[in-house]
Amino acid sequence: MEHTRITFLIWLVGVWFLLVEPAQPCTCMAPATTAEALQKSSAVFRGRVVAIYRSFFDRIGITNSAGYRVQFEITKQWKGAPSKSTVVITRLIGEACGFPFEQNKEYLVYVVTEPRDIQTGICTGTKNINDAEQDIRDLNKLLESKSQQQRSSQVVTQKFAI
């Protein structure tokens, strides 16, 4: 009986080590320009953090992903499927390439889609709204320019359709 208990504990510890992700330092670089950040992102929005929480499995100790779910109320969106709210995953420390979000504060968020979830962090260009003035101007200009190009191509198409 004692041998079975020890074997089970060894097995349990082995499984736990397999589920834990090793800590790695952040080695990425944020995009050089707003246009590059927009191009690399699957969604870009301005939003207010309404909740920050860990996954169920992290909370009960089965996994230790260090990932936090951050729920946003979206106030303006430049790219992605239209939505009033969304949840993205990040680590809350920059050393892990995460972003230190705080509840009830506003951010400009660049989101990337990973195989298992949607994520953001310091590598995407995400920033506090107080530091995002230039990015917001650039995003508005980029999308205005794109919109004008689309209208121009529609006019050309209509002229030749007659």
C-alpha atoms as a PDB file:
ATOM      1  CA  MET A   1       0.000   0.000   0.000  1.00  0.00           C
ATOM      2  CA  GLU A   2       2.802   2.412   0.907  1.00  0.00           C
ATOM      3  CA  HIS A   3       4.607   1.581  -2.355  1.00  0.00           C
ATOM      4  CA  THR A   4       1.443   2.427  -4.336  1.00  0.00           C
ATOM      5  CA  ARG A   5       1.142   5.788  -2.596  1.00  0.00           C
ATOM      6  CA  ILE A   6       4.747   6.702  -3.336  1.00  0.00           C
ATOM      7  CA  THR A   7       4.374   5.629  -6.970  1.00  0.00           C
ATOM      8  CA  PHE A   8       1.223   7.721  -7.284  1.00  0.00           C
ATOM      9  CA  LEU A   9       2.924  10.787  -5.764  1.00  0.00           C
ATOM     10  CA  ILE A  10       5.892  10.424  -8.113  1.00  0.00           C
ATOM     11  CA  TRP A  11       3.508  10.104 -11.069  1.00  0.00           C
ATOM     12  CA  LEU A  12       1.516  13.162  -9.901  1.00  0.00           C
ATOM     13  CA  VAL A  13       4.655  15.302  -9.533  1.00  0.00           C
ATOM     14  CA  GLY A  14       5.832  14.171 -12.990  1.00  0.00           C
ATOM     15  CA  VAL A  15       2.523  15.175 -14.580  1.00  0.00           C
ATOM     16  CA  TRP A  16       2.634  18.542 -12.787  1.00  0.00           C
ATOM     17  CA  PHE A  17       6.123  19.252 -14.205  1.00  0.00           C
ATOM     18  CA  LEU A  18       4.881  18.420 -17.706  1.00  0.00           C
ATOM     19  CA  LEU A  19       2.024  20.915 -17.391  1.00  0.00           C
ATOM     20  CA  VAL A  20       4.109  23.824 -16.088  1.00  0.00           C
ATOM     21  CA  GLU A  21       5.549  26.109 -18.752  1.00  0.00           C
ATOM     22  CA  PRO A  22       9.190  27.037 -18.197  1.00  0.00           C
ATOM     23  CA  ALA A  23       9.852  30.697 -17.500  1.00  0.00           C
ATOM     24  CA  GLN A  24      11.548  32.448 -20.376  1.00  0.00           C
ATOM     25  CA  PRO A  25      12.678  36.051 -20.670  1.00  0.00           C
ATOM     26  CA  CYS A  26      10.990  38.299 -23.187  1.00  0.00           C
ATOM     27  CA  THR A  27      13.154  38.826 -26.270  1.00  0.00           C
ATOM     28  CA  CYS A  28      10.744  40.407 -28.733  1.00  0.00           C
ATOM     29  CA  MET A  29      10.644  43.920 -30.133  1.00  0.00           C
ATOM     30  CA  ALA A  30       7.489  45.986 -30.431  1.00  0.00           C
ATOM     31  CA  PRO A  31       6.570  46.961 -34.011  1.00  0.00           C
ATOM     32  CA  ALA A  32       8.540  49.954 -35.286  1.00  0.00           C
ATOM     33  CA  THR A  33       5.504  51.776 -36.681  1.00  0.00           C
ATOM     34  CA  THR A  34       1.767  51.948 -36.150  1.00  0.00           C
ATOM     35  CA  ALA A  35       1.268  50.655 -39.708  1.00  0.00           C
ATOM     36  CA  GLU A  36       3.403  47.589 -38.914  1.00  0.00           C
ATOM     37  CA  ALA A  37       1.518  46.959 -35.656  1.00  0.00           C
ATOM     38  CA  LEU A  38      -1.825  47.267 -37.478  1.00  0.00           C
ATOM     39  CA  GLN A  39      -0.701  44.911 -40.235  1.00  0.00           C
ATOM     40  CA  LYS A  40       0.536  42.234 -37.774  1.00  0.00           C
ATOM     41  CA  SER A  41      -2.578  42.384 -35.574  1.00  0.00           C
ATOM     42  CA  SER A  42      -5.813  40.465 -35.979  1.00  0.00           C
ATOM     43  CA  ALA A  43      -7.656  43.174 -33.999  1.00  0.00           C
ATOM     44  CA  VAL A  44      -6.919  46.706 -32.787  1.00  0.00           C
ATOM     45  CA  PHE A  45      -9.127  48.570 -30.350  1.00  0.00           C
ATOM     46  CA  ARG A  46      -9.344  51.148 -27.598  1.00  0.00           C
ATOM     47  CA  GLY A  47     -10.859  49.660 -24.474  1.00  0.00           C
ATOM     48  CA  ARG A  48     -11.329  49.851 -20.743  1.00  0.00           C
ATOM     49  CA  VAL A  49     -10.385  46.888 -18.540  1.00  0.00           C
ATOM     50  CA  VAL A  50     -13.491  45.619 -16.745  1.00  0.00           C
ATOM     51  CA  ALA A  51     -12.066  42.389 -15.279  1.00  0.00           C
ATOM     52  CA  ILE A  52      -8.767  40.528 -14.869  1.00  0.00           C
ATOM     53  CA  TYR A  53      -8.819  36.859 -13.884  1.00  0.00           C
ATOM     54  CA  ARG A  54      -6.902  33.585 -14.192  1.00  0.00           C
ATOM     55  CA  SER A  55      -8.146  30.453 -15.900  1.00  0.00           C
ATOM     56  CA  PHE A  56     -10.022  27.914 -13.807  1.00  0.00           C
ATOM     57  CA  PHE A  57      -7.206  25.354 -14.121  1.00  0.00           C
ATOM     58  CA  ASP A  58      -4.587  27.910 -13.017  1.00  0.00           C
ATOM     59  CA  ARG A  59      -6.731  28.947 -10.046  1.00  0.00           C
ATOM     60  CA  ILE A  60      -7.116  25.387  -8.756  1.00  0.00           C
ATOM     61  CA  GLY A  61      -3.441  24.575  -9.369  1.00  0.00           C
ATOM     62  CA  ILE A  62      -3.739  22.013 -12.163  1.00  0.00           C
ATOM     63  CA  THR A  63      -1.795  24.262 -14.549  1.00  0.00           C
ATOM     64  CA  ASN A  64       0.444  27.260 -14.075  1.00  0.00           C
ATOM     65  CA  SER A  65       0.345  29.105 -17.391  1.00  0.00           C
ATOM     66  CA  ALA A  66       0.841  32.530 -15.753  1.00  0.00           C
ATOM     67  CA  GLY A  67      -1.700  33.772 -18.277  1.00  0.00           C
ATOM     68  CA  TYR A  68      -4.422  36.171 -17.241  1.00  0.00           C
ATOM     69  CA  ARG A  69      -7.678  36.799 -19.039  1.00  0.00           C
ATOM     70  CA  VAL A  70      -8.340  40.511 -19.418  1.00  0.00           C
ATOM     71  CA  GLN A  71     -11.877  41.521 -20.293  1.00  0.00           C
ATOM     72  CA  PHE A  72     -12.295  44.822 -22.143  1.00  0.00           C
ATOM     73  CA  GLU A  73     -15.213  47.079 -22.873  1.00  0.00           C
ATOM     74  CA  ILE A  74     -14.404  48.288 -26.399  1.00  0.00           C
ATOM     75  CA  THR A  75     -14.900  52.014 -27.004  1.00  0.00           C
ATOM     76  CA  LYS A  76     -13.374  52.258 -30.508  1.00  0.00           C
ATOM     77  CA  GLN A  77     -12.233  49.618 -32.958  1.00  0.00           C
ATOM     78  CA  TRP A  78      -9.901  49.943 -35.937  1.00  0.00           C
ATOM     79  CA  LYS A  79      -9.537  46.297 -36.948  1.00  0.00           C
ATOM     80  CA  GLY A  80     -11.225  42.967 -36.227  1.00  0.00           C
ATOM     81  CA  ALA A  81     -14.766  41.675 -35.934  1.00  0.00           C
ATOM     82  CA  PRO A  82     -17.026  44.390 -34.480  1.00  0.00           C
ATOM     83  CA  SER A  83     -17.669  43.820 -30.787  1.00  0.00           C
ATOM     84  CA  LYS A  84     -18.620  45.725 -27.647  1.00  0.00           C
ATOM     85  CA  SER A  85     -16.374  43.589 -25.452  1.00  0.00           C
ATOM     86  CA  THR A  86     -13.649  40.972 -25.715  1.00  0.00           C
ATOM     87  CA  VAL A  87     -11.277  38.892 -23.600  1.00  0.00           C
ATOM     88  CA  VAL A  88      -7.580  38.668 -24.407  1.00  0.00           C
ATOM     89  CA  ILE A  89      -4.827  36.716 -22.689  1.00  0.00           C
ATOM     90  CA  THR A  90      -1.574  38.160 -21.404  1.00  0.00           C
ATOM     91  CA  ARG A  91       0.914  37.777 -18.626  1.00  0.00           C
ATOM     92  CA  LEU A  92       0.832  40.753 -16.304  1.00  0.00           C
ATOM     93  CA  ILE A  93       4.583  41.317 -16.285  1.00  0.00           C
ATOM     94  CA  GLY A  94       6.805  42.660 -19.052  1.00  0.00           C
ATOM     95  CA  GLU A  95       9.605  40.183 -18.324  1.00  0.00           C
ATOM     96  CA  ALA A  96       7.262  37.509 -19.725  1.00  0.00           C
ATOM     97  CA  CYS A  97       6.296  39.724 -22.713  1.00  0.00           C
ATOM     98  CA  GLY A  98       2.952  40.412 -21.055  1.00  0.00           C
ATOM     99  CA  PHE A  99       1.365  43.759 -20.396  1.00  0.00           C
ATOM    100  CA  PRO A 100       0.659  45.163 -16.893  1.00  0.00           C
ATOM    101  CA  PHE A 101      -3.054  45.927 -17.347  1.00  0.00           C
ATOM    102  CA  GLU A 102      -4.951  47.489 -14.460  1.00  0.00           C
ATOM    103  CA  GLN A 103      -8.670  47.326 -13.882  1.00  0.00           C
ATOM    104  CA  ASN A 104     -10.756  50.392 -14.924  1.00  0.00           C
ATOM    105  CA  LYS A 105      -7.908  51.872 -16.974  1.00  0.00           C
ATOM    106  CA  GLU A 106      -8.008  52.459 -20.720  1.00  0.00           C
ATOM    107  CA  TYR A 107      -5.591  51.056 -23.305  1.00  0.00           C
ATOM    108  CA  LEU A 108      -4.879  50.893 -27.014  1.00  0.00           C
ATOM    109  CA  VAL A 109      -4.699  47.142 -27.612  1.00  0.00           C
ATOM    110  CA  TYR A 110      -3.132  45.313 -30.535  1.00  0.00           C
ATOM    111  CA  VAL A 111      -4.221  41.664 -30.528  1.00  0.00           C
ATOM    112  CA  VAL A 112      -2.555  38.689 -32.200  1.00  0.00           C
ATOM    113  CA  THR A 113      -4.236  35.350 -32.716  1.00  0.00           C
ATOM    114  CA  GLU A 114      -2.255  32.373 -31.490  1.00  0.00           C
ATOM    115  CA  PRO A 115      -3.199  28.734 -32.084  1.00  0.00           C
ATOM    116  CA  ARG A 116      -5.009  28.399 -28.735  1.00  0.00           C
ATOM    117  CA  ASP A 117      -6.223  31.934 -27.975  1.00  0.00           C
ATOM    118  CA  ILE A 118      -6.003  35.636 -28.667  1.00  0.00           C
ATOM    119  CA  GLN A 119      -3.147  37.413 -26.938  1.00  0.00           C
ATOM    120  CA  THR A 120      -1.538  40.763 -26.395  1.00  0.00           C
ATOM    121  CA  GLY A 121       1.554  42.067 -24.670  1.00  0.00           C
ATOM    122  CA  ILE A 122       4.479  44.445 -24.963  1.00  0.00           C
ATOM    123  CA  CYS A 123       5.551  42.822 -28.248  1.00  0.00           C
ATOM    124  CA  THR A 124       2.379  43.845 -30.093  1.00  0.00           C
ATOM    125  CA  GLY A 125       2.509  47.598 -29.503  1.00  0.00           C
ATOM    126  CA  THR A 126      -0.216  47.662 -26.839  1.00  0.00           C
ATOM    127  CA  LYS A 127       0.022  50.720 -24.597  1.00  0.00           C
ATOM    128  CA  ASN A 128      -1.706  52.798 -21.967  1.00  0.00           C
ATOM    129  CA  ILE A 129      -4.129  55.233 -23.601  1.00  0.00           C
ATOM    130  CA  ASN A 130      -2.132  58.171 -22.169  1.00  0.00           C
ATOM    131  CA  ASP A 131       0.862  57.040 -24.261  1.00  0.00           C
ATOM    132  CA  ALA A 132      -1.145  56.243 -27.401  1.00  0.00           C
ATOM    133  CA  GLU A 133      -2.004  59.678 -28.814  1.00  0.00           C
ATOM    134  CA  GLN A 134       0.289  59.379 -31.838  1.00  0.00           C
ATOM    135  CA  ASP A 135      -0.763  55.787 -32.535  1.00  0.00           C
ATOM    136  CA  ILE A 136      -4.429  56.802 -32.519  1.00  0.00           C
ATOM    137  CA  ARG A 137      -3.757  59.643 -34.969  1.00  0.00           C
ATOM    138  CA  ASP A 138      -1.794  57.251 -37.188  1.00  0.00           C
ATOM    139  CA  LEU A 139      -4.520  54.589 -37.058  1.00  0.00           C
ATOM    140  CA  ASN A 140      -7.172  57.124 -38.027  1.00  0.00           C
ATOM    141  CA  LYS A 141      -5.023  58.360 -40.945  1.00  0.00           C
ATOM    142  CA  LEU A 142      -4.201  54.821 -42.121  1.00  0.00           C
ATOM    143  CA  LEU A 143      -7.845  53.779 -42.149  1.00  0.00           C
ATOM    144  CA  GLU A 144      -8.997  57.049 -43.733  1.00  0.00           C
ATOM    145  CA  SER A 145      -6.446  56.539 -46.502  1.00  0.00           C
ATOM    146  CA  LYS A 146      -7.585  52.938 -46.989  1.00  0.00           C
ATOM    147  CA  SER A 147     -11.235  54.043 -47.085  1.00  0.00           C
ATOM    148  CA  GLN A 148     -10.462  56.701 -49.720  1.00  0.00           C
ATOM    149  CA  GLN A 149      -8.626  54.141 -51.846  1.00  0.00           C
ATOM    150  CA  GLN A 150     -11.626  51.792 -51.681  1.00  0.00           C
ATOM    151  CA  ARG A 151     -14.029  54.604 -52.675  1.00  0.00           C
ATOM    152  CA  SER A 152     -11.750  55.539 -55.596  1.00  0.00           C
ATOM    153  CA  SER A 153     -11.658  51.972 -56.883  1.00  0.00           C
ATOM    154  CA  GLN A 154     -15.466  51.753 -56.631  1.00  0.00           C
ATOM    155  CA  VAL A 155     -15.847  54.943 -58.713  1.00  0.00           C
ATOM    156  CA  VAL A 156     -13.447  53.586 -61.376  1.00  0.00           C
ATOM    157  CA  THR A 157     -15.349  50.269 -61.461  1.00  0.00           C
ATOM    158  CA  GLN A 158     -18.686  52.086 -61.840  1.00  0.00           C
ATOM    159  CA  LYS A 159     -17.348  54.221 -64.736  1.00  0.00           C
ATOM    160  CA  PHE A 160     -16.287  51.137 -66.671  1.00  0.00           C
ATOM    161  CA  ALA A 161     -19.505  49.260 -65.909  1.00  0.00           C
ATOM    162  CA  ILE A 162     -21.597  51.680 -68.024  1.00  0.00           C
END
